[in-house]
Amino acid sequence: EGSSFPWSLNEAGSVLGKLDPTDKHYPA
C-alpha cells in the first residue's frame, strides 16, 4: 500500500539470486 519494508541490505561480495530455479517456495 505504497510503503516499503526492508528485507535485507546486500553489500559488496554478497551473492544474489538462486542457484536452484526449481524452488517453488520462493515468493518471487
PDB file of all heavy atoms in Angstrom:
ATOM      1  N   GLU A   1       0.820  -1.212   0.000  1.00  0.00           N
ATOM      2  CA  GLU A   1       0.000   0.000   0.000  1.00  0.00           C
ATOM      3  C   GLU A   1       0.854   1.262   0.000  1.00  0.00           C
ATOM      4  O   GLU A   1       0.618   2.193   0.768  1.00  0.00           O
ATOM      5  CB  GLU A   1      -0.963  -0.008   1.190  1.00  0.00           C
ATOM      6  CG  GLU A   1      -1.966  -1.149   1.156  1.00  0.00           C
ATOM      7  CD  GLU A   1      -2.934  -1.110   2.324  1.00  0.00           C
ATOM      8  OE1 GLU A   1      -2.703  -0.305   3.249  1.00  0.00           O
ATOM      9  OE2 GLU A   1      -3.897  -1.875   2.314  1.00  0.00           O
ATOM     10  N   GLY A   2       1.869   1.272  -0.863  1.00  0.00           N
ATOM     11  CA  GLY A   2       2.690   2.464  -1.021  1.00  0.00           C
ATOM     12  C   GLY A   2       3.816   2.617  -0.023  1.00  0.00           C
ATOM     13  O   GLY A   2       4.599   3.572  -0.106  1.00  0.00           O
ATOM     14  N   SER A   3       3.933   1.718   0.940  1.00  0.00           N
ATOM     15  CA  SER A   3       5.004   1.766   1.932  1.00  0.00           C
ATOM     16  C   SER A   3       5.980   0.625   1.678  1.00  0.00           C
ATOM     17  O   SER A   3       5.560  -0.485   1.340  1.00  0.00           O
ATOM     18  CB  SER A   3       4.432   1.655   3.350  1.00  0.00           C
ATOM     19  OG  SER A   3       3.549   2.720   3.620  1.00  0.00           O
ATOM     20  N   SER A   4       7.269   0.904   1.822  1.00  0.00           N
ATOM     21  CA  SER A   4       8.296  -0.118   1.593  1.00  0.00           C
ATOM     22  C   SER A   4       8.812  -0.640   2.920  1.00  0.00           C
ATOM     23  O   SER A   4       9.018   0.126   3.868  1.00  0.00           O
ATOM     24  CB  SER A   4       9.449   0.458   0.768  1.00  0.00           C
ATOM     25  OG  SER A   4      10.127   1.463   1.488  1.00  0.00           O
ATOM     26  N   PHE A   5       9.036  -1.953   2.974  1.00  0.00           N
ATOM     27  CA  PHE A   5       9.513  -2.597   4.188  1.00  0.00           C
ATOM     28  C   PHE A   5      10.798  -3.348   3.867  1.00  0.00           C
ATOM     29  O   PHE A   5      10.811  -4.214   2.985  1.00  0.00           O
ATOM     30  CB  PHE A   5       8.447  -3.546   4.733  1.00  0.00           C
ATOM     31  CG  PHE A   5       7.191  -2.842   5.165  1.00  0.00           C
ATOM     32  CD1 PHE A   5       6.166  -2.612   4.253  1.00  0.00           C
ATOM     33  CD2 PHE A   5       7.061  -2.373   6.454  1.00  0.00           C
ATOM     34  CE1 PHE A   5       5.021  -1.952   4.636  1.00  0.00           C
ATOM     35  CE2 PHE A   5       5.914  -1.703   6.845  1.00  0.00           C
ATOM     36  CZ  PHE A   5       4.885  -1.482   5.944  1.00  0.00           C
ATOM     37  N   PRO A   6      11.909  -3.004   4.549  1.00  0.00           N
ATOM     38  CA  PRO A   6      13.214  -3.605   4.206  1.00  0.00           C
ATOM     39  C   PRO A   6      13.261  -5.082   4.553  1.00  0.00           C
ATOM     40  O   PRO A   6      12.662  -5.535   5.536  1.00  0.00           O
ATOM     41  CB  PRO A   6      14.191  -2.798   5.068  1.00  0.00           C
ATOM     42  CG  PRO A   6      13.384  -2.279   6.205  1.00  0.00           C
ATOM     43  CD  PRO A   6      12.006  -2.047   5.658  1.00  0.00           C
ATOM     44  N   TRP A   7      13.983  -5.818   3.716  1.00  0.00           N
ATOM     45  CA  TRP A   7      14.208  -7.245   3.940  1.00  0.00           C
ATOM     46  C   TRP A   7      15.686  -7.514   4.197  1.00  0.00           C
ATOM     47  O   TRP A   7      16.037  -8.149   5.174  1.00  0.00           O
ATOM     48  CB  TRP A   7      13.719  -8.044   2.746  1.00  0.00           C
ATOM     49  CG  TRP A   7      13.918  -9.528   2.869  1.00  0.00           C
ATOM     50  CD1 TRP A   7      14.875 -10.290   2.263  1.00  0.00           C
ATOM     51  CD2 TRP A   7      13.149 -10.428   3.675  1.00  0.00           C
ATOM     52  NE1 TRP A   7      14.752 -11.605   2.618  1.00  0.00           N
ATOM     53  CE2 TRP A   7      13.693 -11.719   3.487  1.00  0.00           C
ATOM     54  CE3 TRP A   7      12.059 -10.267   4.511  1.00  0.00           C
ATOM     55  CZ2 TRP A   7      13.170 -12.839   4.135  1.00  0.00           C
ATOM     56  CZ3 TRP A   7      11.543 -11.396   5.147  1.00  0.00           C
ATOM     57  CH2 TRP A   7      12.107 -12.655   4.952  1.00  0.00           C
ATOM     58  N   SER A   8      16.566  -7.018   3.314  1.00  0.00           N
ATOM     59  CA  SER A   8      17.998  -7.225   3.523  1.00  0.00           C
ATOM     60  C   SER A   8      18.795  -6.170   2.766  1.00  0.00           C
ATOM     61  O   SER A   8      18.355  -5.686   1.720  1.00  0.00           O
ATOM     62  CB  SER A   8      18.430  -8.631   3.068  1.00  0.00           C
ATOM     63  OG  SER A   8      18.257  -8.772   1.667  1.00  0.00           O
ATOM     64  N   LEU A   9      19.951  -5.819   3.319  1.00  0.00           N
ATOM     65  CA  LEU A   9      20.894  -4.930   2.657  1.00  0.00           C
ATOM     66  C   LEU A   9      22.105  -5.764   2.279  1.00  0.00           C
ATOM     67  O   LEU A   9      22.784  -6.317   3.141  1.00  0.00           O
ATOM     68  CB  LEU A   9      21.304  -3.776   3.579  1.00  0.00           C
ATOM     69  CG  LEU A   9      22.188  -2.705   2.955  1.00  0.00           C
ATOM     70  CD1 LEU A   9      21.427  -1.940   1.871  1.00  0.00           C
ATOM     71  CD2 LEU A   9      22.688  -1.719   4.017  1.00  0.00           C
ATOM     72  N   ASN A  10      22.358  -5.879   0.980  1.00  0.00           N
ATOM     73  CA  ASN A  10      23.432  -6.739   0.480  1.00  0.00           C
ATOM     74  C   ASN A  10      24.616  -5.886   0.056  1.00  0.00           C
ATOM     75  O   ASN A  10      24.520  -5.110  -0.892  1.00  0.00           O
ATOM     76  CB  ASN A  10      22.930  -7.568  -0.702  1.00  0.00           C
ATOM     77  CG  ASN A  10      21.727  -8.408  -0.343  1.00  0.00           C
ATOM     78  OD1 ASN A  10      20.595  -8.052  -0.640  1.00  0.00           O
ATOM     79  ND2 ASN A  10      21.954  -9.525   0.325  1.00  0.00           N
ATOM     80  N   GLU A  11      25.729  -6.050   0.757  1.00  0.00           N
ATOM     81  CA  GLU A  11      26.931  -5.273   0.488  1.00  0.00           C
ATOM     82  C   GLU A  11      27.783  -5.957  -0.575  1.00  0.00           C
ATOM     83  O   GLU A  11      27.472  -7.048  -1.052  1.00  0.00           O
ATOM     84  CB  GLU A  11      27.710  -5.068   1.781  1.00  0.00           C
ATOM     85  CG  GLU A  11      26.927  -4.321   2.856  1.00  0.00           C
ATOM     86  CD  GLU A  11      27.714  -4.163   4.141  1.00  0.00           C
ATOM     87  OE1 GLU A  11      28.680  -4.944   4.331  1.00  0.00           O
ATOM     88  OE2 GLU A  11      27.373  -3.278   4.941  1.00  0.00           O
ATOM     89  N   ALA A  12      28.877  -5.296  -0.944  1.00  0.00           N
ATOM     90  CA  ALA A  12      29.793  -5.847  -1.939  1.00  0.00           C
ATOM     91  C   ALA A  12      30.274  -7.230  -1.506  1.00  0.00           C
ATOM     92  O   ALA A  12      30.648  -7.430  -0.345  1.00  0.00           O
ATOM     93  CB  ALA A  12      30.976  -4.909  -2.133  1.00  0.00           C
ATOM     94  N   GLY A  13      30.260  -8.171  -2.434  1.00  0.00           N
ATOM     95  CA  GLY A  13      30.647  -9.545  -2.141  1.00  0.00           C
ATOM     96  C   GLY A  13      29.471 -10.460  -1.891  1.00  0.00           C
ATOM     97  O   GLY A  13      29.629 -11.687  -1.875  1.00  0.00           O
ATOM     98  N   SER A  14      28.284  -9.891  -1.694  1.00  0.00           N
ATOM     99  CA  SER A  14      27.102 -10.703  -1.431  1.00  0.00           C
ATOM    100  C   SER A  14      26.633 -11.418  -2.697  1.00  0.00           C
ATOM    101  O   SER A  14      26.726 -10.880  -3.798  1.00  0.00           O
ATOM    102  CB  SER A  14      25.963  -9.829  -0.901  1.00  0.00           C
ATOM    103  OG  SER A  14      26.326  -9.180   0.292  1.00  0.00           O
ATOM    104  N   VAL A  15      26.105 -12.600  -2.503  1.00  0.00           N
ATOM    105  CA  VAL A  15      25.544 -13.377  -3.598  1.00  0.00           C
ATOM    106  C   VAL A  15      24.047 -13.114  -3.668  1.00  0.00           C
ATOM    107  O   VAL A  15      23.348 -13.102  -2.653  1.00  0.00           O
ATOM    108  CB  VAL A  15      25.811 -14.881  -3.408  1.00  0.00           C
ATOM    109  CG1 VAL A  15      25.108 -15.699  -4.483  1.00  0.00           C
ATOM    110  CG2 VAL A  15      27.312 -15.155  -3.437  1.00  0.00           C
ATOM    111  N   LEU A  16      23.547 -12.892  -4.877  1.00  0.00           N
ATOM    112  CA  LEU A  16      22.124 -12.683  -5.106  1.00  0.00           C
ATOM    113  C   LEU A  16      21.588 -13.760  -6.034  1.00  0.00           C
ATOM    114  O   LEU A  16      22.350 -14.434  -6.720  1.00  0.00           O
ATOM    115  CB  LEU A  16      21.877 -11.305  -5.725  1.00  0.00           C
ATOM    116  CG  LEU A  16      22.237 -10.076  -4.899  1.00  0.00           C
ATOM    117  CD1 LEU A  16      21.959  -8.816  -5.705  1.00  0.00           C
ATOM    118  CD2 LEU A  16      21.456 -10.041  -3.595  1.00  0.00           C
ATOM    119  N   GLY A  17      20.271 -13.856  -6.095  1.00  0.00           N
ATOM    120  CA  GLY A  17      19.661 -14.822  -6.995  1.00  0.00           C
ATOM    121  C   GLY A  17      19.658 -16.215  -6.391  1.00  0.00           C
ATOM    122  O   GLY A  17      20.106 -16.448  -5.265  1.00  0.00           O
ATOM    123  N   LYS A  18      19.142 -17.168  -7.170  1.00  0.00           N
ATOM    124  CA  LYS A  18      19.000 -18.531  -6.695  1.00  0.00           C
ATOM    125  C   LYS A  18      19.717 -19.484  -7.637  1.00  0.00           C
ATOM    126  O   LYS A  18      19.629 -19.359  -8.853  1.00  0.00           O
ATOM    127  CB  LYS A  18      17.528 -18.929  -6.613  1.00  0.00           C
ATOM    128  CG  LYS A  18      16.723 -18.069  -5.664  1.00  0.00           C
ATOM    129  CD  LYS A  18      15.342 -18.637  -5.368  1.00  0.00           C
ATOM    130  CE  LYS A  18      14.507 -18.841  -6.586  1.00  0.00           C
ATOM    131  NZ  LYS A  18      14.648 -20.131  -7.222  1.00  0.00           N
ATOM    132  N   LEU A  19      20.405 -20.445  -7.044  1.00  0.00           N
ATOM    133  CA  LEU A  19      21.071 -21.468  -7.847  1.00  0.00           C
ATOM    134  C   LEU A  19      20.067 -22.491  -8.357  1.00  0.00           C
ATOM    135  O   LEU A  19      20.229 -23.038  -9.444  1.00  0.00           O
ATOM    136  CB  LEU A  19      22.145 -22.165  -7.010  1.00  0.00           C
ATOM    137  CG  LEU A  19      22.973 -23.230  -7.721  1.00  0.00           C
ATOM    138  CD1 LEU A  19      23.740 -22.620  -8.887  1.00  0.00           C
ATOM    139  CD2 LEU A  19      23.940 -23.901  -6.748  1.00  0.00           C
ATOM    140  N   ASP A  20      19.015 -22.711  -7.574  1.00  0.00           N
ATOM    141  CA  ASP A  20      18.030 -23.740  -7.936  1.00  0.00           C
ATOM    142  C   ASP A  20      16.789 -23.071  -8.528  1.00  0.00           C
ATOM    143  O   ASP A  20      15.953 -22.536  -7.793  1.00  0.00           O
ATOM    144  CB  ASP A  20      17.646 -24.547  -6.698  1.00  0.00           C
ATOM    145  CG  ASP A  20      16.641 -25.649  -7.022  1.00  0.00           C
ATOM    146  OD1 ASP A  20      16.392 -25.871  -8.228  1.00  0.00           O
ATOM    147  OD2 ASP A  20      16.122 -26.267  -6.087  1.00  0.00           O
ATOM    148  N   PRO A  21      16.610 -23.088  -9.849  1.00  0.00           N
ATOM    149  CA  PRO A  21      15.441 -22.445 -10.466  1.00  0.00           C
ATOM    150  C   PRO A  21      14.147 -23.205 -10.252  1.00  0.00           C
ATOM    151  O   PRO A  21      13.080 -22.715 -10.596  1.00  0.00           O
ATOM    152  CB  PRO A  21      15.814 -22.414 -11.958  1.00  0.00           C
ATOM    153  CG  PRO A  21      16.735 -23.577 -12.133  1.00  0.00           C
ATOM    154  CD  PRO A  21      17.504 -23.701 -10.852  1.00  0.00           C
ATOM    155  N   THR A  22      14.226 -24.438  -9.691  1.00  0.00           N
ATOM    156  CA  THR A  22      13.020 -25.240  -9.477  1.00  0.00           C
ATOM    157  C   THR A  22      12.393 -24.990  -8.112  1.00  0.00           C
ATOM    158  O   THR A  22      11.379 -25.613  -7.779  1.00  0.00           O
ATOM    159  CB  THR A  22      13.350 -26.735  -9.615  1.00  0.00           C
ATOM    160  OG1 THR A  22      14.264 -27.121  -8.567  1.00  0.00           O
ATOM    161  CG2 THR A  22      13.988 -27.030 -10.960  1.00  0.00           C
ATOM    162  N   ASP A  23      12.983 -24.103  -7.311  1.00  0.00           N
ATOM    163  CA  ASP A  23      12.455 -23.813  -5.980  1.00  0.00           C
ATOM    164  C   ASP A  23      11.058 -23.213  -6.105  1.00  0.00           C
ATOM    165  O   ASP A  23      10.890 -22.103  -6.607  1.00  0.00           O
ATOM    166  CB  ASP A  23      13.390 -22.846  -5.258  1.00  0.00           C
ATOM    167  CG  ASP A  23      12.940 -22.558  -3.838  1.00  0.00           C
ATOM    168  OD1 ASP A  23      11.916 -23.117  -3.411  1.00  0.00           O
ATOM    169  OD2 ASP A  23      13.605 -21.760  -3.156  1.00  0.00           O
ATOM    170  N   LYS A  24      10.054 -23.930  -5.624  1.00  0.00           N
ATOM    171  CA  LYS A  24       8.661 -23.498  -5.763  1.00  0.00           C
ATOM    172  C   LYS A  24       8.168 -22.702  -4.554  1.00  0.00           C
ATOM    173  O   LYS A  24       7.053 -22.183  -4.567  1.00  0.00           O
ATOM    174  CB  LYS A  24       7.751 -24.723  -5.954  1.00  0.00           C
ATOM    175  CG  LYS A  24       8.126 -25.614  -7.128  1.00  0.00           C
ATOM    176  CD  LYS A  24       8.088 -24.864  -8.461  1.00  0.00           C
ATOM    177  CE  LYS A  24       8.399 -25.788  -9.618  1.00  0.00           C
ATOM    178  NZ  LYS A  24       8.428 -25.076 -10.921  1.00  0.00           N
ATOM    179  N   HIS A  25       9.000 -22.601  -3.515  1.00  0.00           N
ATOM    180  CA  HIS A  25       8.548 -21.958  -2.291  1.00  0.00           C
ATOM    181  C   HIS A  25       8.960 -20.489  -2.216  1.00  0.00           C
ATOM    182  O   HIS A  25       8.543 -19.784  -1.307  1.00  0.00           O
ATOM    183  CB  HIS A  25       9.115 -22.696  -1.073  1.00  0.00           C
ATOM    184  CG  HIS A  25       8.733 -24.147  -1.043  1.00  0.00           C
ATOM    185  ND1 HIS A  25       7.459 -24.574  -0.740  1.00  0.00           N
ATOM    186  CD2 HIS A  25       9.462 -25.268  -1.297  1.00  0.00           C
ATOM    187  CE1 HIS A  25       7.419 -25.889  -0.793  1.00  0.00           C
ATOM    188  NE2 HIS A  25       8.609 -26.335  -1.128  1.00  0.00           N
ATOM    189  N   TYR A  26       9.753 -20.026  -3.147  1.00  0.00           N
ATOM    190  CA  TYR A  26      10.236 -18.647  -3.115  1.00  0.00           C
ATOM    191  C   TYR A  26       9.125 -17.698  -3.583  1.00  0.00           C
ATOM    192  O   TYR A  26       8.577 -17.878  -4.677  1.00  0.00           O
ATOM    193  CB  TYR A  26      11.453 -18.501  -4.025  1.00  0.00           C
ATOM    194  CG  TYR A  26      12.065 -17.118  -4.023  1.00  0.00           C
ATOM    195  CD1 TYR A  26      12.767 -16.668  -2.920  1.00  0.00           C
ATOM    196  CD2 TYR A  26      11.929 -16.266  -5.115  1.00  0.00           C
ATOM    197  CE1 TYR A  26      13.332 -15.412  -2.907  1.00  0.00           C
ATOM    198  CE2 TYR A  26      12.489 -15.005  -5.111  1.00  0.00           C
ATOM    199  CZ  TYR A  26      13.201 -14.585  -4.006  1.00  0.00           C
ATOM    200  OH  TYR A  26      13.742 -13.328  -3.985  1.00  0.00           O
ATOM    201  N   PRO A  27       8.755 -16.689  -2.770  1.00  0.00           N
ATOM    202  CA  PRO A  27       7.693 -15.751  -3.167  1.00  0.00           C
ATOM    203  C   PRO A  27       8.209 -14.756  -4.197  1.00  0.00           C
ATOM    204  O   PRO A  27       8.509 -13.599  -3.899  1.00  0.00           O
ATOM    205  CB  PRO A  27       7.336 -15.060  -1.845  1.00  0.00           C
ATOM    206  CG  PRO A  27       8.593 -15.121  -1.039  1.00  0.00           C
ATOM    207  CD  PRO A  27       9.281 -16.407  -1.420  1.00  0.00           C
ATOM    208  N   ALA A  28       8.299 -15.177  -5.438  1.00  0.00           N
ATOM    209  CA  ALA A  28       9.015 -14.428  -6.465  1.00  0.00           C
ATOM    210  C   ALA A  28       8.416 -13.059  -6.752  1.00  0.00           C
ATOM    211  O   ALA A  28       9.132 -12.148  -7.144  1.00  0.00           O
ATOM    212  CB  ALA A  28       9.047 -15.252  -7.766  1.00  0.00           C
TER     213      ALA A  28
END
